Amino acid sequence: MTTLVVRLAPERSRAGARAAFAVACAIGGAAMISVLAQVRIPLPFTPVPITGQTLGVLLVGAAYGPVLGVSTIALYLAWGAVGIPVFAGGAEGVAVLGPASATGGYLWGFVAASALVGLLARAGWDRSFGSAVGAMFLGTVTIYAVGVSWLMAAIDVPLDRAIELGLAPFVIGDTLKVLGAASALPFAWRLLGRNDRGGG
């Protein structure tokens, strides 16, 4: 099967146009995640804020597939590393991605999550709401598996405390993101199908 972006890309015979399309998608996806990162709600009891990034990562992974999805997340991280204020709260710099950063693991988790969700989407998991929920849920679990583990080391706390600080406060919000992303992909495929048939 294929992904939305691959379905919309120029034909393989038009290599230049196809490459330009991929670059434009990567820039657009990284920009979207950058904007969603600024949707930020700090919590007084944890160094990890509520942000909109996860939604963007899930959508990019599902729509772009594993290769372009990971490339897009890598571009986003590279922007932040070189000093563009694209991380949550306008943060930037290599230190945000480093081992002493409480939130660095979540950013690296985005890479793994986009790869996983992209692979599942390429296998057709993004075509129906139920399977899309499964893909988005697994992607979210991947982000937290990396993020919480990193948080434990960064602030030197045991696993139960890291879960209290870096997972528990975000369950409701991320459930809504999962449901939103899982609704968007099947809808986009249905819309594309109607357009292919000449319908409105």
N, C-alpha and C. Protein backbone atom coordinates (compact mmCIF):
# COMPACT_ATOMS: atom_id res chain seq x y z
N MET A 1 0.85 -1.20 0.00
CA MET A 1 0.00 0.00 0.00
C MET A 1 0.88 1.24 0.00
N THR A 2 0.27 2.39 0.10
CA THR A 2 1.03 3.62 0.02
C THR A 2 0.54 4.60 1.09
N THR A 3 1.16 5.77 1.13
CA THR A 3 0.75 6.81 2.08
C THR A 3 0.14 7.98 1.32
N LEU A 4 -0.47 8.88 2.03
CA LEU A 4 -1.14 10.01 1.39
C LEU A 4 -0.18 10.83 0.54
N VAL A 5 0.97 11.16 1.08
CA VAL A 5 1.90 12.01 0.35
C VAL A 5 2.43 11.31 -0.89
N VAL A 6 2.74 10.02 -0.76
CA VAL A 6 3.20 9.28 -1.93
C VAL A 6 2.10 9.22 -2.98
N ARG A 7 0.86 9.08 -2.54
CA ARG A 7 -0.28 9.05 -3.47
C ARG A 7 -0.42 10.37 -4.22
N LEU A 8 -0.09 11.46 -3.56
CA LEU A 8 -0.25 12.79 -4.15
C LEU A 8 0.98 13.27 -4.91
N ALA A 9 2.10 12.59 -4.74
CA ALA A 9 3.36 13.03 -5.34
C ALA A 9 3.32 12.90 -6.86
N PRO A 10 4.14 13.69 -7.56
CA PRO A 10 4.27 13.51 -9.02
C PRO A 10 4.75 12.11 -9.35
N GLU A 11 4.52 11.69 -10.57
CA GLU A 11 4.91 10.35 -11.00
C GLU A 11 6.42 10.16 -10.89
N ARG A 12 6.84 8.92 -10.71
CA ARG A 12 8.25 8.61 -10.54
C ARG A 12 9.09 9.04 -11.75
N SER A 13 8.48 9.07 -12.90
CA SER A 13 9.21 9.47 -14.10
C SER A 13 9.62 10.95 -14.05
N ARG A 14 8.92 11.72 -13.25
CA ARG A 14 9.25 13.16 -13.10
C ARG A 14 10.09 13.32 -11.83
N ALA A 15 11.33 12.88 -11.92
CA ALA A 15 12.18 12.81 -10.74
C ALA A 15 12.40 14.17 -10.09
N GLY A 16 12.64 15.19 -10.89
CA GLY A 16 12.88 16.52 -10.34
C GLY A 16 11.67 17.06 -9.60
N ALA A 17 10.50 16.92 -10.21
CA ALA A 17 9.27 17.40 -9.58
C ALA A 17 8.98 16.61 -8.32
N ARG A 18 9.25 15.31 -8.36
CA ARG A 18 9.00 14.46 -7.20
C ARG A 18 9.92 14.85 -6.04
N ALA A 19 11.20 15.13 -6.34
CA ALA A 19 12.14 15.55 -5.30
C ALA A 19 11.73 16.89 -4.71
N ALA A 20 11.32 17.83 -5.57
CA ALA A 20 10.90 19.15 -5.09
C ALA A 20 9.66 19.03 -4.22
N PHE A 21 8.76 18.15 -4.59
CA PHE A 21 7.55 17.91 -3.80
C PHE A 21 7.91 17.38 -2.42
N ALA A 22 8.86 16.45 -2.37
CA ALA A 22 9.28 15.88 -1.09
C ALA A 22 9.92 16.94 -0.20
N VAL A 23 10.76 17.79 -0.79
CA VAL A 23 11.40 18.86 -0.02
C VAL A 23 10.35 19.82 0.52
N ALA A 24 9.39 20.18 -0.33
CA ALA A 24 8.33 21.09 0.11
C ALA A 24 7.51 20.48 1.24
N CYS A 25 7.24 19.17 1.14
CA CYS A 25 6.49 18.49 2.20
C CYS A 25 7.28 18.49 3.50
N ALA A 26 8.58 18.22 3.42
CA ALA A 26 9.41 18.20 4.63
C ALA A 26 9.44 19.57 5.29
N ILE A 27 9.62 20.61 4.50
CA ILE A 27 9.65 21.97 5.06
C ILE A 27 8.29 22.32 5.66
N GLY A 28 7.22 21.99 4.95
CA GLY A 28 5.89 22.28 5.45
C GLY A 28 5.57 21.51 6.72
N GLY A 29 5.96 20.25 6.77
CA GLY A 29 5.71 19.44 7.96
C GLY A 29 6.50 19.93 9.16
N ALA A 30 7.77 20.25 8.94
CA ALA A 30 8.61 20.77 10.03
C ALA A 30 8.07 22.11 10.53
N ALA A 31 7.59 22.93 9.60
CA ALA A 31 7.02 24.23 9.99
C ALA A 31 5.74 24.02 10.82
N MET A 32 4.91 23.06 10.41
CA MET A 32 3.68 22.78 11.17
C MET A 32 4.01 22.36 12.59
N ILE A 33 4.98 21.46 12.75
CA ILE A 33 5.36 21.01 14.09
C ILE A 33 5.92 22.18 14.89
N SER A 34 6.68 23.06 14.23
CA SER A 34 7.23 24.24 14.91
C SER A 34 6.13 25.13 15.46
N VAL A 35 5.09 25.32 14.67
CA VAL A 35 3.96 26.14 15.12
C VAL A 35 3.23 25.46 16.26
N LEU A 36 2.99 24.17 16.13
CA LEU A 36 2.28 23.44 17.19
C LEU A 36 3.09 23.39 18.48
N ALA A 37 4.41 23.46 18.36
CA ALA A 37 5.26 23.48 19.56
C ALA A 37 5.02 24.73 20.40
N GLN A 38 4.56 25.79 19.74
CA GLN A 38 4.34 27.03 20.48
C GLN A 38 2.98 27.04 21.18
N VAL A 39 2.16 26.03 20.90
CA VAL A 39 0.94 25.82 21.68
C VAL A 39 1.40 25.11 22.95
N ARG A 40 1.70 25.86 23.95
CA ARG A 40 2.42 25.33 25.12
C ARG A 40 1.74 25.76 26.41
N ILE A 41 1.49 24.79 27.27
CA ILE A 41 0.93 25.08 28.59
C ILE A 41 1.89 24.53 29.64
N PRO A 42 2.66 25.38 30.31
CA PRO A 42 3.58 24.89 31.35
C PRO A 42 2.81 24.41 32.57
N LEU A 43 3.32 23.38 33.19
CA LEU A 43 2.72 22.85 34.42
C LEU A 43 3.71 23.09 35.56
N PRO A 44 3.24 23.61 36.69
CA PRO A 44 4.16 24.01 37.76
C PRO A 44 4.89 22.86 38.44
N PHE A 45 4.38 21.65 38.33
CA PHE A 45 4.94 20.54 39.08
C PHE A 45 5.84 19.63 38.24
N THR A 46 6.05 19.98 36.95
CA THR A 46 6.87 19.14 36.08
C THR A 46 7.62 20.01 35.08
N PRO A 47 8.83 19.59 34.68
CA PRO A 47 9.56 20.35 33.66
C PRO A 47 9.06 20.09 32.25
N VAL A 48 8.10 19.19 32.11
CA VAL A 48 7.58 18.84 30.79
C VAL A 48 6.26 19.59 30.57
N PRO A 49 6.18 20.46 29.56
CA PRO A 49 4.93 21.19 29.32
C PRO A 49 3.97 20.42 28.42
N ILE A 50 2.73 20.83 28.44
CA ILE A 50 1.76 20.36 27.44
C ILE A 50 2.02 21.14 26.16
N THR A 51 2.15 20.45 25.04
CA THR A 51 2.35 21.14 23.76
C THR A 51 1.51 20.46 22.68
N GLY A 52 1.50 21.09 21.51
CA GLY A 52 0.79 20.50 20.38
C GLY A 52 1.67 19.67 19.47
N GLN A 53 2.95 19.52 19.81
CA GLN A 53 3.89 18.85 18.92
C GLN A 53 3.48 17.43 18.55
N THR A 54 3.01 16.69 19.54
CA THR A 54 2.71 15.28 19.30
C THR A 54 1.71 15.10 18.17
N LEU A 55 0.70 15.97 18.12
CA LEU A 55 -0.29 15.90 17.05
C LEU A 55 0.39 16.04 15.69
N GLY A 56 1.28 17.01 15.57
CA GLY A 56 1.98 17.21 14.30
C GLY A 56 2.84 16.02 13.93
N VAL A 57 3.52 15.45 14.90
CA VAL A 57 4.39 14.30 14.64
C VAL A 57 3.58 13.11 14.15
N LEU A 58 2.45 12.85 14.78
CA LEU A 58 1.60 11.73 14.37
C LEU A 58 1.06 11.93 12.96
N LEU A 59 0.63 13.13 12.66
CA LEU A 59 0.10 13.42 11.33
C LEU A 59 1.18 13.30 10.26
N VAL A 60 2.37 13.83 10.55
CA VAL A 60 3.48 13.75 9.60
C VAL A 60 3.86 12.29 9.36
N GLY A 61 4.00 11.53 10.43
CA GLY A 61 4.37 10.13 10.27
C GLY A 61 3.37 9.37 9.42
N ALA A 62 2.09 9.55 9.69
CA ALA A 62 1.06 8.81 8.97
C ALA A 62 0.93 9.26 7.52
N ALA A 63 0.95 10.56 7.30
CA ALA A 63 0.75 11.07 5.94
C ALA A 63 1.99 10.91 5.07
N TYR A 64 3.17 11.00 5.67
CA TYR A 64 4.40 11.01 4.89
C TYR A 64 5.04 9.64 4.72
N GLY A 65 4.80 8.72 5.64
CA GLY A 65 5.49 7.44 5.59
C GLY A 65 6.79 7.50 6.36
N PRO A 66 7.47 6.36 6.52
CA PRO A 66 8.63 6.31 7.41
C PRO A 66 9.82 7.13 6.94
N VAL A 67 10.14 7.12 5.66
CA VAL A 67 11.35 7.80 5.18
C VAL A 67 11.19 9.31 5.21
N LEU A 68 10.16 9.81 4.55
CA LEU A 68 9.95 11.26 4.53
C LEU A 68 9.53 11.76 5.90
N GLY A 69 8.81 10.94 6.66
CA GLY A 69 8.42 11.35 8.01
C GLY A 69 9.63 11.56 8.90
N VAL A 70 10.55 10.59 8.91
CA VAL A 70 11.76 10.72 9.72
C VAL A 70 12.60 11.89 9.22
N SER A 71 12.69 12.07 7.91
CA SER A 71 13.45 13.19 7.36
C SER A 71 12.87 14.53 7.81
N THR A 72 11.55 14.59 7.87
CA THR A 72 10.89 15.83 8.30
C THR A 72 11.16 16.12 9.77
N ILE A 73 11.08 15.10 10.62
CA ILE A 73 11.39 15.30 12.03
C ILE A 73 12.86 15.67 12.20
N ALA A 74 13.73 15.04 11.44
CA ALA A 74 15.16 15.37 11.50
C ALA A 74 15.39 16.83 11.11
N LEU A 75 14.66 17.30 10.10
CA LEU A 75 14.78 18.70 9.70
C LEU A 75 14.33 19.62 10.83
N TYR A 76 13.22 19.27 11.46
CA TYR A 76 12.72 20.06 12.59
C TYR A 76 13.76 20.13 13.71
N LEU A 77 14.34 18.99 14.07
CA LEU A 77 15.35 18.97 15.12
C LEU A 77 16.60 19.76 14.70
N ALA A 78 16.95 19.67 13.44
CA ALA A 78 18.12 20.41 12.95
C ALA A 78 17.88 21.91 13.03
N TRP A 79 16.68 22.36 12.70
CA TRP A 79 16.37 23.78 12.84
C TRP A 79 16.59 24.24 14.28
N GLY A 80 16.07 23.47 15.21
CA GLY A 80 16.23 23.84 16.61
C GLY A 80 17.68 23.80 17.05
N ALA A 81 18.43 22.79 16.58
CA ALA A 81 19.83 22.63 17.00
C ALA A 81 20.70 23.78 16.54
N VAL A 82 20.40 24.35 15.36
CA VAL A 82 21.23 25.43 14.84
C VAL A 82 20.80 26.81 15.35
N GLY A 83 19.77 26.85 16.17
CA GLY A 83 19.41 28.11 16.80
C GLY A 83 18.10 28.73 16.39
N ILE A 84 17.33 28.06 15.56
CA ILE A 84 16.00 28.57 15.21
C ILE A 84 15.05 28.19 16.34
N PRO A 85 14.30 29.14 16.89
CA PRO A 85 13.47 28.86 18.08
C PRO A 85 12.19 28.10 17.76
N VAL A 86 12.34 26.83 17.40
CA VAL A 86 11.19 26.03 16.97
C VAL A 86 10.68 25.07 18.02
N PHE A 87 11.45 24.87 19.10
CA PHE A 87 11.01 23.95 20.13
C PHE A 87 9.98 24.63 21.03
N ALA A 88 9.38 23.88 21.93
CA ALA A 88 8.32 24.41 22.79
C ALA A 88 8.80 25.64 23.54
N GLY A 89 7.97 26.66 23.52
CA GLY A 89 8.31 27.90 24.22
C GLY A 89 9.39 28.70 23.55
N GLY A 90 9.68 28.42 22.28
CA GLY A 90 10.72 29.14 21.58
C GLY A 90 12.12 28.71 21.94
N ALA A 91 12.25 27.57 22.60
CA ALA A 91 13.59 27.07 22.96
C ALA A 91 14.34 26.67 21.71
N GLU A 92 15.66 26.73 21.78
CA GLU A 92 16.49 26.34 20.66
C GLU A 92 17.87 25.97 21.17
N GLY A 93 18.65 25.34 20.30
CA GLY A 93 20.02 24.99 20.62
C GLY A 93 20.23 23.51 20.84
N VAL A 94 21.46 23.08 20.68
CA VAL A 94 21.81 21.67 20.83
C VAL A 94 21.52 21.17 22.23
N ALA A 95 21.64 22.04 23.23
CA ALA A 95 21.43 21.61 24.62
C ALA A 95 20.04 21.06 24.86
N VAL A 96 19.05 21.54 24.12
CA VAL A 96 17.68 21.06 24.28
C VAL A 96 17.59 19.58 23.92
N LEU A 97 18.48 19.14 23.05
CA LEU A 97 18.48 17.75 22.62
C LEU A 97 19.44 16.88 23.42
N GLY A 98 20.18 17.50 24.34
CA GLY A 98 21.23 16.80 25.05
C GLY A 98 20.75 16.01 26.24
N PRO A 99 21.65 15.23 26.84
CA PRO A 99 21.27 14.32 27.94
C PRO A 99 20.82 15.02 29.21
N ALA A 100 21.18 16.29 29.38
CA ALA A 100 20.77 17.01 30.58
C ALA A 100 19.41 17.67 30.43
N SER A 101 18.85 17.62 29.23
CA SER A 101 17.55 18.25 28.97
C SER A 101 16.42 17.33 29.40
N ALA A 102 15.53 17.84 30.24
CA ALA A 102 14.41 17.02 30.72
C ALA A 102 13.46 16.63 29.59
N THR A 103 13.41 17.45 28.55
CA THR A 103 12.46 17.18 27.46
C THR A 103 13.13 16.64 26.20
N GLY A 104 14.44 16.48 26.23
CA GLY A 104 15.14 16.02 25.02
C GLY A 104 14.68 14.67 24.54
N GLY A 105 14.35 13.78 25.46
CA GLY A 105 13.93 12.44 25.06
C GLY A 105 12.64 12.44 24.26
N TYR A 106 11.75 13.36 24.55
CA TYR A 106 10.50 13.43 23.79
C TYR A 106 10.80 13.83 22.34
N LEU A 107 11.74 14.76 22.18
CA LEU A 107 12.10 15.19 20.83
C LEU A 107 12.71 14.04 20.03
N TRP A 108 13.60 13.27 20.66
CA TRP A 108 14.16 12.11 19.97
C TRP A 108 13.10 11.03 19.77
N GLY A 109 12.16 10.96 20.70
CA GLY A 109 11.07 10.00 20.54
C GLY A 109 10.22 10.30 19.32
N PHE A 110 10.17 11.59 18.93
CA PHE A 110 9.43 11.95 17.72
C PHE A 110 9.97 11.21 16.50
N VAL A 111 11.28 11.04 16.45
CA VAL A 111 11.90 10.36 15.31
C VAL A 111 11.42 8.91 15.23
N ALA A 112 11.51 8.21 16.35
CA ALA A 112 11.08 6.81 16.38
C ALA A 112 9.59 6.68 16.11
N ALA A 113 8.79 7.59 16.67
CA ALA A 113 7.34 7.53 16.49
C ALA A 113 6.96 7.77 15.04
N SER A 114 7.61 8.72 14.38
CA SER A 114 7.27 8.99 12.98
C SER A 114 7.61 7.79 12.11
N ALA A 115 8.71 7.11 12.42
CA ALA A 115 9.07 5.91 11.66
C ALA A 115 8.03 4.82 11.85
N LEU A 116 7.62 4.58 13.10
CA LEU A 116 6.66 3.52 13.39
C LEU A 116 5.30 3.82 12.76
N VAL A 117 4.80 5.03 13.01
CA VAL A 117 3.49 5.39 12.46
C VAL A 117 3.53 5.38 10.94
N GLY A 118 4.65 5.82 10.37
CA GLY A 118 4.78 5.80 8.91
C GLY A 118 4.74 4.39 8.35
N LEU A 119 5.41 3.46 9.01
CA LEU A 119 5.38 2.07 8.57
C LEU A 119 3.97 1.49 8.66
N LEU A 120 3.28 1.80 9.75
CA LEU A 120 1.92 1.30 9.92
C LEU A 120 0.97 1.91 8.89
N ALA A 121 1.17 3.19 8.60
CA ALA A 121 0.33 3.84 7.59
C ALA A 121 0.59 3.23 6.22
N ARG A 122 1.84 2.96 5.93
CA ARG A 122 2.18 2.34 4.65
C ARG A 122 1.55 0.95 4.52
N ALA A 123 1.31 0.31 5.66
CA ALA A 123 0.64 -1.00 5.66
C ALA A 123 -0.88 -0.87 5.64
N GLY A 124 -1.39 0.37 5.62
CA GLY A 124 -2.83 0.58 5.51
C GLY A 124 -3.56 0.89 6.80
N TRP A 125 -2.82 1.09 7.89
CA TRP A 125 -3.47 1.34 9.17
C TRP A 125 -4.15 2.72 9.22
N ASP A 126 -3.85 3.59 8.31
CA ASP A 126 -4.44 4.93 8.33
C ASP A 126 -5.73 5.02 7.52
N ARG A 127 -6.20 3.89 7.01
CA ARG A 127 -7.37 3.92 6.13
C ARG A 127 -8.70 3.89 6.88
N SER A 128 -8.72 3.38 8.09
CA SER A 128 -9.95 3.35 8.88
C SER A 128 -9.68 3.94 10.26
N PHE A 129 -10.73 4.41 10.89
CA PHE A 129 -10.57 5.07 12.18
C PHE A 129 -9.99 4.12 13.23
N GLY A 130 -10.51 2.90 13.29
CA GLY A 130 -10.05 1.96 14.32
C GLY A 130 -8.58 1.64 14.21
N SER A 131 -8.13 1.30 13.02
CA SER A 131 -6.71 0.97 12.86
C SER A 131 -5.84 2.21 12.99
N ALA A 132 -6.35 3.37 12.57
CA ALA A 132 -5.59 4.62 12.73
C ALA A 132 -5.40 4.94 14.20
N VAL A 133 -6.41 4.70 15.02
CA VAL A 133 -6.25 4.90 16.47
C VAL A 133 -5.13 4.01 16.98
N GLY A 134 -5.09 2.77 16.52
CA GLY A 134 -4.02 1.87 16.94
C GLY A 134 -2.65 2.38 16.56
N ALA A 135 -2.51 2.88 15.34
CA ALA A 135 -1.22 3.40 14.89
C ALA A 135 -0.81 4.62 15.69
N MET A 136 -1.75 5.54 15.90
CA MET A 136 -1.44 6.76 16.64
C MET A 136 -1.12 6.45 18.11
N PHE A 137 -1.83 5.48 18.67
CA PHE A 137 -1.57 5.09 20.05
C PHE A 137 -0.16 4.51 20.19
N LEU A 138 0.22 3.63 19.27
CA LEU A 138 1.56 3.04 19.33
C LEU A 138 2.64 4.10 19.13
N GLY A 139 2.36 5.07 18.26
CA GLY A 139 3.30 6.17 18.08
C GLY A 139 3.46 6.98 19.35
N THR A 140 2.35 7.24 20.03
CA THR A 140 2.39 8.00 21.28
C THR A 140 3.13 7.23 22.36
N VAL A 141 2.88 5.93 22.44
CA VAL A 141 3.60 5.09 23.41
C VAL A 141 5.10 5.15 23.15
N THR A 142 5.48 5.14 21.90
CA THR A 142 6.90 5.22 21.54
C THR A 142 7.52 6.52 22.03
N ILE A 143 6.81 7.62 21.82
CA ILE A 143 7.32 8.93 22.29
C ILE A 143 7.55 8.90 23.79
N TYR A 144 6.58 8.37 24.53
CA TYR A 144 6.70 8.37 25.98
C TYR A 144 7.72 7.35 26.48
N ALA A 145 7.88 6.25 25.76
CA ALA A 145 8.90 5.27 26.17
C ALA A 145 10.28 5.91 26.15
N VAL A 146 10.55 6.67 25.10
CA VAL A 146 11.85 7.35 25.00
C VAL A 146 11.89 8.54 25.96
N GLY A 147 10.82 9.34 25.96
CA GLY A 147 10.80 10.56 26.75
C GLY A 147 10.90 10.32 28.24
N VAL A 148 10.15 9.37 28.76
CA VAL A 148 10.15 9.09 30.20
C VAL A 148 11.48 8.48 30.62
N SER A 149 12.01 7.58 29.81
CA SER A 149 13.32 6.99 30.13
C SER A 149 14.40 8.06 30.19
N TRP A 150 14.35 8.97 29.23
CA TRP A 150 15.32 10.08 29.19
C TRP A 150 15.14 10.98 30.40
N LEU A 151 13.89 11.27 30.75
CA LEU A 151 13.60 12.14 31.89
C LEU A 151 14.16 11.54 33.18
N MET A 152 14.04 10.24 33.35
CA MET A 152 14.58 9.57 34.53
C MET A 152 16.07 9.88 34.70
N ALA A 153 16.81 9.77 33.60
CA ALA A 153 18.25 10.01 33.66
C ALA A 153 18.58 11.48 33.80
N ALA A 154 17.82 12.33 33.13
CA ALA A 154 18.13 13.76 33.11
C ALA A 154 17.95 14.41 34.48
N ILE A 155 16.91 14.02 35.20
CA ILE A 155 16.67 14.66 36.51
C ILE A 155 16.87 13.68 37.67
N ASP A 156 17.35 12.47 37.34
CA ASP A 156 17.73 11.47 38.35
C ASP A 156 16.58 11.13 39.29
N VAL A 157 15.53 10.58 38.70
CA VAL A 157 14.38 10.14 39.50
C VAL A 157 14.06 8.70 39.12
N PRO A 158 13.39 7.95 40.01
CA PRO A 158 12.99 6.58 39.66
C PRO A 158 11.85 6.58 38.65
N LEU A 159 11.56 5.40 38.13
CA LEU A 159 10.56 5.28 37.07
C LEU A 159 9.19 5.79 37.50
N ASP A 160 8.74 5.45 38.71
CA ASP A 160 7.40 5.87 39.12
C ASP A 160 7.28 7.38 39.18
N ARG A 161 8.35 8.04 39.64
CA ARG A 161 8.33 9.50 39.70
C ARG A 161 8.38 10.09 38.30
N ALA A 162 9.16 9.49 37.40
CA ALA A 162 9.23 9.98 36.02
C ALA A 162 7.89 9.86 35.33
N ILE A 163 7.17 8.78 35.64
CA ILE A 163 5.82 8.63 35.06
C ILE A 163 4.88 9.70 35.60
N GLU A 164 4.98 10.01 36.88
CA GLU A 164 4.16 11.07 37.48
C GLU A 164 4.42 12.41 36.81
N LEU A 165 5.69 12.67 36.48
CA LEU A 165 6.07 13.96 35.92
C LEU A 165 5.95 14.02 34.40
N GLY A 166 6.23 12.91 33.76
CA GLY A 166 6.37 12.96 32.30
C GLY A 166 5.37 12.19 31.49
N LEU A 167 4.41 11.54 32.15
CA LEU A 167 3.38 10.79 31.41
C LEU A 167 1.98 11.06 31.94
N ALA A 168 1.76 10.84 33.22
CA ALA A 168 0.41 10.91 33.79
C ALA A 168 -0.33 12.21 33.48
N PRO A 169 0.34 13.38 33.57
CA PRO A 169 -0.41 14.63 33.34
C PRO A 169 -0.89 14.82 31.90
N PHE A 170 -0.39 13.98 30.98
CA PHE A 170 -0.64 14.23 29.57
C PHE A 170 -1.57 13.21 28.92
N VAL A 171 -2.06 12.27 29.71
CA VAL A 171 -2.85 11.17 29.14
C VAL A 171 -4.12 11.69 28.46
N ILE A 172 -4.85 12.57 29.11
CA ILE A 172 -6.11 13.05 28.53
C ILE A 172 -5.84 13.85 27.26
N GLY A 173 -4.90 14.77 27.32
CA GLY A 173 -4.58 15.58 26.15
C GLY A 173 -4.10 14.75 24.98
N ASP A 174 -3.25 13.78 25.26
CA ASP A 174 -2.73 12.96 24.17
C ASP A 174 -3.78 11.99 23.63
N THR A 175 -4.73 11.61 24.45
CA THR A 175 -5.84 10.81 23.95
C THR A 175 -6.63 11.60 22.92
N LEU A 176 -6.85 12.87 23.20
CA LEU A 176 -7.56 13.73 22.25
C LEU A 176 -6.75 13.91 20.97
N LYS A 177 -5.43 14.03 21.09
CA LYS A 177 -4.58 14.15 19.90
C LYS A 177 -4.64 12.89 19.06
N VAL A 178 -4.59 11.74 19.73
CA VAL A 178 -4.67 10.47 19.01
C VAL A 178 -5.98 10.37 18.25
N LEU A 179 -7.08 10.72 18.91
CA LEU A 179 -8.39 10.64 18.26
C LEU A 179 -8.49 11.63 17.10
N GLY A 180 -7.93 12.83 17.30
CA GLY A 180 -7.95 13.83 16.23
C GLY A 180 -7.16 13.39 15.01
N ALA A 181 -5.94 12.91 15.26
CA ALA A 181 -5.10 12.45 14.15
C ALA A 181 -5.71 11.24 13.47
N ALA A 182 -6.29 10.33 14.27
CA ALA A 182 -6.89 9.12 13.71
C ALA A 182 -8.14 9.42 12.90
N SER A 183 -8.79 10.54 13.19
CA SER A 183 -9.95 10.94 12.40
C SER A 183 -9.53 11.60 11.08
N ALA A 184 -8.43 12.34 11.12
CA ALA A 184 -8.01 13.12 9.96
C ALA A 184 -7.57 12.26 8.79
N LEU A 185 -6.83 11.19 9.07
CA LEU A 185 -6.26 10.40 7.98
C LEU A 185 -7.31 9.65 7.18
N PRO A 186 -8.23 8.89 7.80
CA PRO A 186 -9.27 8.23 7.00
C PRO A 186 -10.13 9.24 6.23
N PHE A 187 -10.40 10.39 6.85
CA PHE A 187 -11.17 11.43 6.16
C PHE A 187 -10.45 11.90 4.90
N ALA A 188 -9.13 12.12 5.02
CA ALA A 188 -8.34 12.55 3.87
C ALA A 188 -8.37 11.51 2.76
N TRP A 189 -8.27 10.23 3.13
CA TRP A 189 -8.33 9.17 2.12
C TRP A 189 -9.69 9.13 1.44
N ARG A 190 -10.76 9.29 2.22
CA ARG A 190 -12.10 9.31 1.61
C ARG A 190 -12.25 10.49 0.67
N LEU A 191 -11.75 11.64 1.08
CA LEU A 191 -11.82 12.83 0.23
C LEU A 191 -11.04 12.61 -1.05
N LEU A 192 -9.86 12.02 -0.94
CA LEU A 192 -9.06 11.75 -2.12
C LEU A 192 -9.77 10.77 -3.05
N GLY A 193 -10.43 9.78 -2.47
CA GLY A 193 -11.16 8.82 -3.28
C GLY A 193 -12.31 9.46 -4.04
N ARG A 194 -13.01 10.37 -3.37
CA ARG A 194 -14.11 11.08 -4.05
C ARG A 194 -13.58 11.93 -5.19
N ASN A 195 -12.44 12.60 -4.96
CA ASN A 195 -11.85 13.42 -6.01
C ASN A 195 -11.40 12.58 -7.20
N ASP A 196 -10.86 11.38 -6.91
CA ASP A 196 -10.44 10.49 -7.99
C ASP A 196 -11.62 10.07 -8.85
N ARG A 197 -12.79 9.96 -8.21
CA ARG A 197 -13.98 9.54 -8.96
C ARG A 197 -14.70 10.73 -9.60
N GLY A 198 -14.14 11.93 -9.37
CA GLY A 198 -14.76 13.11 -9.95
C GLY A 198 -15.92 13.62 -9.13
N GLY A 199 -16.04 13.12 -7.90
CA GLY A 199 -17.13 13.56 -7.03
C GLY A 199 -16.74 14.78 -6.25
N GLY A 200 -17.69 15.35 -5.49
CA GLY A 200 -17.41 16.50 -4.65
C GLY A 200 -17.64 16.12 -3.25
